[in-house]
């Protein structure tokens, strides 16, 4: 039986929730002060996920990198393979806010999207506002 302490981030209380289970079944959840804490702890124990914010290289842009993030949480155990895939990518400027940079990141079905725009060198030199 595995025992894991999880600090809940569902509300400002930050409860320390203890979950006991075998990886497939949960025996007990204790310490949450609200229903959201119980659900958060269950999900974090059974299938932890994270939004992945990072950067991607830009070619021909006013900036060398563009900030990106996954449009939805991805399994925590896929973070390192996602970063490996992202490290292989260079996008051509201009980059639009919300532009999909990678579809189906590491087979998760989740896209990686730009969180800002990056103008091309030429447009930036011509004085276009960012």
Protein backbone atom coordinates (compact mmCIF):
# COMPACT_ATOMS: atom_id res chain seq x y z
CA UNK A 1 0.00 0.00 0.00
CA UNK A 2 1.45 3.35 -1.08
CA UNK A 3 1.02 6.46 1.07
CA UNK A 4 1.47 9.90 -0.49
CA UNK A 5 1.15 13.39 0.98
CA UNK A 6 -0.19 15.92 -1.52
CA UNK A 7 -0.45 19.65 -0.99
CA UNK A 8 -3.71 20.70 -2.56
CA UNK A 9 -3.71 23.77 -4.84
CA UNK A 10 -7.45 23.83 -5.57
CA UNK A 11 -8.14 26.68 -3.16
CA UNK A 12 -6.12 29.07 -0.97
CA UNK A 13 -6.14 26.73 2.06
CA UNK A 14 -3.29 24.55 0.75
CA UNK A 15 -4.36 21.47 2.69
CA UNK A 16 -1.93 18.62 3.23
CA UNK A 17 -3.90 15.64 2.01
CA UNK A 18 -2.78 12.07 2.66
CA UNK A 19 -3.78 9.48 0.09
CA UNK A 20 -3.35 5.74 0.57
CA UNK A 21 -3.78 3.28 -2.24
CA UNK A 22 -2.14 0.74 -4.51
CA UNK A 23 -1.85 2.84 -7.68
CA UNK A 24 -5.10 1.53 -9.14
CA UNK A 25 -7.41 1.84 -6.14
CA UNK A 26 -7.57 4.46 -3.41
CA UNK A 27 -8.14 3.18 0.11
CA UNK A 28 -8.39 6.55 1.87
CA UNK A 29 -8.09 10.30 1.42
CA UNK A 30 -7.66 12.39 4.58
CA UNK A 31 -6.86 15.99 5.40
CA UNK A 32 -8.83 17.89 2.77
CA UNK A 33 -11.02 20.68 4.07
CA UNK A 34 -13.18 21.03 0.95
CA UNK A 35 -14.60 18.70 -1.72
CA UNK A 36 -12.24 20.13 -4.37
CA UNK A 37 -9.28 18.98 -2.26
CA UNK A 38 -10.52 15.42 -2.26
CA UNK A 39 -10.90 15.42 -6.06
CA UNK A 40 -7.52 17.13 -6.60
CA UNK A 41 -5.77 14.58 -4.37
CA UNK A 42 -7.48 11.67 -6.15
CA UNK A 43 -6.39 12.97 -9.57
CA UNK A 44 -2.86 13.79 -8.39
CA UNK A 45 -2.48 10.28 -6.95
CA UNK A 46 -3.99 8.38 -9.89
CA UNK A 47 -2.97 10.49 -12.90
CA UNK A 48 -0.91 13.63 -12.17
CA UNK A 49 -0.94 16.19 -14.99
CA UNK A 50 0.69 19.57 -15.59
CA UNK A 51 0.45 22.54 -17.95
CA UNK A 52 3.89 22.83 -19.57
CA UNK A 53 5.15 26.40 -20.11
CA UNK A 54 8.45 26.77 -21.97
CA UNK A 55 10.01 28.44 -25.03
CA UNK A 56 10.69 27.52 -28.67
CA UNK A 57 13.46 28.87 -30.89
CA UNK A 58 12.48 31.42 -33.55
CA UNK A 59 14.30 31.88 -36.84
CA UNK A 60 14.25 35.32 -38.50
CA UNK A 61 12.41 36.97 -35.65
CA UNK A 62 12.82 40.10 -33.58
CA UNK A 63 13.33 37.74 -30.62
CA UNK A 64 15.28 34.46 -30.54
CA UNK A 65 12.55 32.62 -28.58
CA UNK A 66 8.78 32.58 -28.30
CA UNK A 67 6.96 31.61 -25.11
CA UNK A 68 4.65 28.61 -25.44
CA UNK A 69 2.49 26.36 -23.29
CA UNK A 70 0.36 23.27 -23.63
CA UNK A 71 -3.27 24.14 -24.26
CA UNK A 72 -4.29 21.59 -21.60
CA UNK A 73 -2.51 19.59 -18.90
CA UNK A 74 -0.41 16.61 -20.03
CA UNK A 75 0.60 13.55 -17.97
CA UNK A 76 3.47 14.44 -15.63
CA UNK A 77 5.44 11.39 -16.74
CA UNK A 78 5.53 12.78 -20.31
CA UNK A 79 7.10 16.15 -19.38
CA UNK A 80 10.69 15.13 -20.17
CA UNK A 81 9.83 13.52 -23.50
CA UNK A 82 7.74 16.60 -24.36
CA UNK A 83 10.73 18.84 -23.61
CA UNK A 84 12.91 16.63 -25.83
CA UNK A 85 10.41 17.03 -28.71
CA UNK A 86 10.13 20.79 -28.16
CA UNK A 87 13.92 21.19 -28.14
CA UNK A 88 13.99 19.92 -31.74
CA UNK A 89 11.65 22.65 -32.99
CA UNK A 90 12.49 26.01 -34.54
CA UNK A 91 9.66 28.14 -35.93
CA UNK A 92 9.92 30.79 -38.63
CA UNK A 93 8.86 34.33 -37.75
CA UNK A 94 6.35 35.85 -37.68
CA UNK A 95 4.63 33.88 -34.91
CA UNK A 96 1.05 34.73 -33.96
CA UNK A 97 -0.39 34.66 -30.45
CA UNK A 98 -2.24 31.34 -30.08
CA UNK A 99 -0.54 29.77 -33.09
CA UNK A 100 -0.20 26.00 -32.80
CA UNK A 101 3.50 25.16 -32.70
CA UNK A 102 3.18 21.37 -32.23
CA UNK A 103 -0.03 19.37 -32.63
CA UNK A 104 -0.43 16.25 -30.49
CA UNK A 105 2.67 16.80 -28.34
CA UNK A 106 4.27 13.39 -27.59
CA UNK A 107 1.05 11.58 -28.44
CA UNK A 108 -1.00 13.30 -25.73
CA UNK A 109 -3.55 14.82 -28.10
CA UNK A 110 -2.65 18.23 -26.63
CA UNK A 111 -1.24 21.06 -28.76
CA UNK A 112 1.64 23.37 -27.84
CA UNK A 113 0.65 27.00 -28.57
CA UNK A 114 2.44 30.36 -28.68
CA UNK A 115 1.62 32.66 -25.78
CA UNK A 116 2.88 35.84 -27.47
CA UNK A 117 3.58 37.10 -30.94
CA UNK A 118 7.02 37.52 -32.47
CA UNK A 119 7.47 39.76 -35.49
CA UNK A 120 9.92 39.03 -38.24
CA UNK A 121 13.23 40.94 -38.22
CA UNK A 122 12.06 43.01 -41.19
CA UNK A 123 8.74 44.08 -39.63
CA UNK A 124 10.46 44.90 -36.34
CA UNK A 125 13.06 47.00 -38.21
CA UNK A 126 10.23 48.85 -39.99
CA UNK A 127 8.91 49.91 -36.58
CA UNK A 128 5.74 47.80 -36.30
CA UNK A 129 4.46 47.79 -32.71
CA UNK A 130 4.77 44.55 -30.78
